Amino acid sequence: MIIPKNVRDLLGINEGDFLELRVENGKIVLEKERKVDLEEVERKFEEHERRIAYARRASLGDLKGVVLEEEFDD
């Protein structure tokens, strides 16, 4: 299958890229194949968020002993 250069340029398709071909609602859909699995990336981000969640939780007394005036003095 030959894809016109202006279409390749518009979609960022280069020689050697893998394309996904499928049929949707009776039409042929051709997309550039992703190099990463977005679902896997999302799972990794969720796992990372769970692992660092403790760092975001503030508790009463976190600022105990902090004098705000000293924080802004220059």
N, C-alpha and C. Protein backbone atom coordinates (compact mmCIF):
# COMPACT_ATOMS: atom_id res chain seq x y z
N MET A 1 0.85 -1.16 0.00
CA MET A 1 0.00 0.00 0.00
C MET A 1 0.90 1.23 0.00
N ILE A 2 0.60 2.16 -0.83
CA ILE A 2 1.37 3.40 -0.91
C ILE A 2 0.57 4.51 -0.24
N ILE A 3 1.22 5.17 0.71
CA ILE A 3 0.59 6.30 1.40
C ILE A 3 1.25 7.57 0.87
N PRO A 4 0.47 8.52 0.36
CA PRO A 4 1.04 9.75 -0.19
C PRO A 4 1.92 10.47 0.83
N LYS A 5 2.99 11.10 0.33
CA LYS A 5 3.95 11.78 1.19
C LYS A 5 3.30 12.84 2.07
N ASN A 6 2.38 13.62 1.52
CA ASN A 6 1.75 14.68 2.33
C ASN A 6 0.97 14.08 3.50
N VAL A 7 0.38 12.91 3.32
CA VAL A 7 -0.35 12.25 4.41
C VAL A 7 0.64 11.71 5.43
N ARG A 8 1.73 11.08 4.94
CA ARG A 8 2.76 10.57 5.85
C ARG A 8 3.34 11.69 6.70
N ASP A 9 3.65 12.81 6.05
CA ASP A 9 4.21 13.96 6.77
C ASP A 9 3.22 14.49 7.81
N LEU A 10 1.96 14.59 7.44
CA LEU A 10 0.93 15.09 8.35
C LEU A 10 0.80 14.22 9.59
N LEU A 11 0.92 12.90 9.40
CA LEU A 11 0.74 11.96 10.50
C LEU A 11 2.05 11.56 11.18
N GLY A 12 3.16 12.07 10.67
CA GLY A 12 4.45 11.72 11.27
C GLY A 12 4.85 10.28 11.01
N ILE A 13 4.44 9.74 9.88
CA ILE A 13 4.77 8.36 9.53
C ILE A 13 6.06 8.37 8.71
N ASN A 14 7.01 7.54 9.14
CA ASN A 14 8.29 7.44 8.45
C ASN A 14 8.47 6.04 7.89
N GLU A 15 9.40 5.92 6.96
CA GLU A 15 9.70 4.61 6.41
C GLU A 15 10.13 3.67 7.53
N GLY A 16 9.55 2.49 7.55
CA GLY A 16 9.88 1.50 8.58
C GLY A 16 8.94 1.53 9.77
N ASP A 17 8.09 2.55 9.88
CA ASP A 17 7.12 2.59 10.98
C ASP A 17 6.09 1.48 10.80
N PHE A 18 5.62 0.95 11.91
CA PHE A 18 4.57 -0.05 11.87
C PHE A 18 3.22 0.64 11.94
N LEU A 19 2.28 0.14 11.14
CA LEU A 19 0.94 0.71 11.11
C LEU A 19 -0.06 -0.36 11.51
N GLU A 20 -1.12 0.07 12.17
CA GLU A 20 -2.21 -0.83 12.57
C GLU A 20 -3.37 -0.61 11.61
N LEU A 21 -3.88 -1.70 11.07
CA LEU A 21 -5.00 -1.63 10.14
C LEU A 21 -6.17 -2.38 10.77
N ARG A 22 -7.33 -1.72 10.83
CA ARG A 22 -8.52 -2.38 11.39
C ARG A 22 -9.76 -1.83 10.69
N VAL A 23 -10.85 -2.50 10.91
CA VAL A 23 -12.13 -2.07 10.34
C VAL A 23 -13.03 -1.60 11.47
N GLU A 24 -13.56 -0.39 11.32
CA GLU A 24 -14.49 0.18 12.30
C GLU A 24 -15.70 0.73 11.55
N ASN A 25 -16.87 0.26 11.93
CA ASN A 25 -18.12 0.73 11.31
C ASN A 25 -18.06 0.68 9.79
N GLY A 26 -17.51 -0.41 9.27
CA GLY A 26 -17.45 -0.60 7.82
C GLY A 26 -16.40 0.23 7.11
N LYS A 27 -15.50 0.88 7.86
CA LYS A 27 -14.44 1.69 7.26
C LYS A 27 -13.09 1.13 7.66
N ILE A 28 -12.11 1.29 6.79
CA ILE A 28 -10.74 0.89 7.09
C ILE A 28 -10.08 2.02 7.86
N VAL A 29 -9.49 1.69 9.00
CA VAL A 29 -8.78 2.68 9.83
C VAL A 29 -7.32 2.25 9.88
N LEU A 30 -6.44 3.16 9.54
CA LEU A 30 -5.00 2.91 9.52
C LEU A 30 -4.36 3.90 10.48
N GLU A 31 -3.68 3.38 11.51
CA GLU A 31 -3.04 4.25 12.50
C GLU A 31 -1.59 3.83 12.69
N LYS A 32 -0.78 4.82 13.04
CA LYS A 32 0.60 4.53 13.39
C LYS A 32 0.58 3.73 14.68
N GLU A 33 1.31 2.62 14.68
CA GLU A 33 1.33 1.77 15.86
C GLU A 33 2.13 2.46 16.96
N ARG A 34 1.60 2.41 18.17
CA ARG A 34 2.29 3.03 19.30
C ARG A 34 3.47 2.16 19.71
N LYS A 35 4.53 2.81 20.12
CA LYS A 35 5.72 2.08 20.54
C LYS A 35 5.63 1.64 21.99
N VAL A 36 4.70 2.22 22.73
CA VAL A 36 4.50 1.84 24.12
C VAL A 36 3.05 1.48 24.33
N ASP A 37 2.82 0.62 25.28
CA ASP A 37 1.46 0.23 25.64
C ASP A 37 0.95 1.25 26.65
N LEU A 38 0.01 2.09 26.24
CA LEU A 38 -0.47 3.16 27.11
C LEU A 38 -1.13 2.62 28.38
N GLU A 39 -1.78 1.46 28.28
CA GLU A 39 -2.39 0.87 29.47
C GLU A 39 -1.31 0.47 30.47
N GLU A 40 -0.19 -0.05 29.99
CA GLU A 40 0.92 -0.43 30.87
C GLU A 40 1.52 0.82 31.52
N VAL A 41 1.66 1.90 30.76
CA VAL A 41 2.18 3.15 31.31
C VAL A 41 1.25 3.66 32.40
N GLU A 42 -0.06 3.61 32.16
CA GLU A 42 -1.03 4.07 33.15
C GLU A 42 -0.94 3.23 34.42
N ARG A 43 -0.80 1.91 34.27
CA ARG A 43 -0.66 1.04 35.45
C ARG A 43 0.60 1.38 36.24
N LYS A 44 1.68 1.67 35.55
CA LYS A 44 2.94 2.02 36.22
C LYS A 44 2.79 3.34 36.98
N PHE A 45 2.12 4.33 36.37
CA PHE A 45 1.89 5.60 37.06
C PHE A 45 1.04 5.40 38.31
N GLU A 46 -0.02 4.61 38.20
CA GLU A 46 -0.87 4.35 39.36
C GLU A 46 -0.08 3.65 40.47
N GLU A 47 0.74 2.69 40.09
CA GLU A 47 1.57 2.00 41.08
C GLU A 47 2.53 2.98 41.76
N HIS A 48 3.13 3.85 40.96
CA HIS A 48 4.06 4.85 41.50
C HIS A 48 3.33 5.80 42.46
N GLU A 49 2.13 6.24 42.07
CA GLU A 49 1.36 7.13 42.94
C GLU A 49 1.05 6.46 44.27
N ARG A 50 0.71 5.18 44.23
CA ARG A 50 0.43 4.46 45.49
C ARG A 50 1.68 4.38 46.36
N ARG A 51 2.83 4.17 45.72
CA ARG A 51 4.07 4.01 46.47
C ARG A 51 4.53 5.31 47.12
N ILE A 52 4.19 6.45 46.51
CA ILE A 52 4.64 7.73 47.08
C ILE A 52 3.53 8.49 47.78
N ALA A 53 2.37 7.89 47.91
CA ALA A 53 1.22 8.58 48.50
C ALA A 53 1.52 9.09 49.90
N TYR A 54 2.34 8.37 50.65
CA TYR A 54 2.67 8.79 52.02
C TYR A 54 3.34 10.15 52.03
N ALA A 55 4.05 10.50 50.99
CA ALA A 55 4.78 11.77 50.95
C ALA A 55 3.85 12.96 50.77
N ARG A 56 2.66 12.73 50.28
CA ARG A 56 1.73 13.83 50.03
C ARG A 56 0.80 14.08 51.20
N ARG A 57 0.67 13.12 52.09
CA ARG A 57 -0.26 13.28 53.19
C ARG A 57 0.32 14.21 54.26
N ALA A 58 -0.36 15.29 54.51
CA ALA A 58 0.06 16.20 55.57
C ALA A 58 -0.73 15.86 56.82
N SER A 59 -0.12 16.07 57.93
CA SER A 59 -0.83 15.82 59.18
C SER A 59 -0.68 17.03 60.09
N LEU A 60 -1.56 17.10 61.06
CA LEU A 60 -1.48 18.20 62.02
C LEU A 60 -0.11 18.17 62.69
N GLY A 61 0.46 19.32 62.82
CA GLY A 61 1.76 19.41 63.47
C GLY A 61 2.93 19.40 62.50
N ASP A 62 2.68 19.23 61.21
CA ASP A 62 3.77 19.22 60.24
C ASP A 62 4.54 20.54 60.25
N LEU A 63 3.85 21.64 60.50
CA LEU A 63 4.50 22.95 60.50
C LEU A 63 4.78 23.45 61.91
N LYS A 64 4.68 22.56 62.88
CA LYS A 64 4.93 22.95 64.27
C LYS A 64 6.36 23.49 64.39
N GLY A 65 6.48 24.65 64.95
CA GLY A 65 7.79 25.26 65.15
C GLY A 65 8.26 26.12 63.99
N VAL A 66 7.51 26.18 62.92
CA VAL A 66 7.90 27.01 61.79
C VAL A 66 7.33 28.40 62.00
N VAL A 67 8.18 29.39 61.89
CA VAL A 67 7.74 30.78 62.02
C VAL A 67 7.70 31.36 60.61
N LEU A 68 6.50 31.67 60.14
CA LEU A 68 6.34 32.13 58.77
C LEU A 68 7.11 33.41 58.47
N GLU A 69 7.21 34.31 59.44
CA GLU A 69 7.93 35.55 59.20
C GLU A 69 9.38 35.26 58.83
N GLU A 70 9.97 34.25 59.47
CA GLU A 70 11.36 33.90 59.16
C GLU A 70 11.49 33.30 57.76
N GLU A 71 10.45 32.65 57.29
CA GLU A 71 10.48 32.03 55.97
C GLU A 71 10.51 33.08 54.87
N PHE A 72 9.95 34.28 55.13
CA PHE A 72 9.87 35.31 54.10
C PHE A 72 10.89 36.42 54.28
N ASP A 73 11.70 36.38 55.29
CA ASP A 73 12.73 37.41 55.51
C ASP A 73 13.88 37.20 54.53
N ASP A 74 14.29 38.28 53.88
CA ASP A 74 15.46 38.26 52.99
C ASP A 74 16.22 39.53 53.11
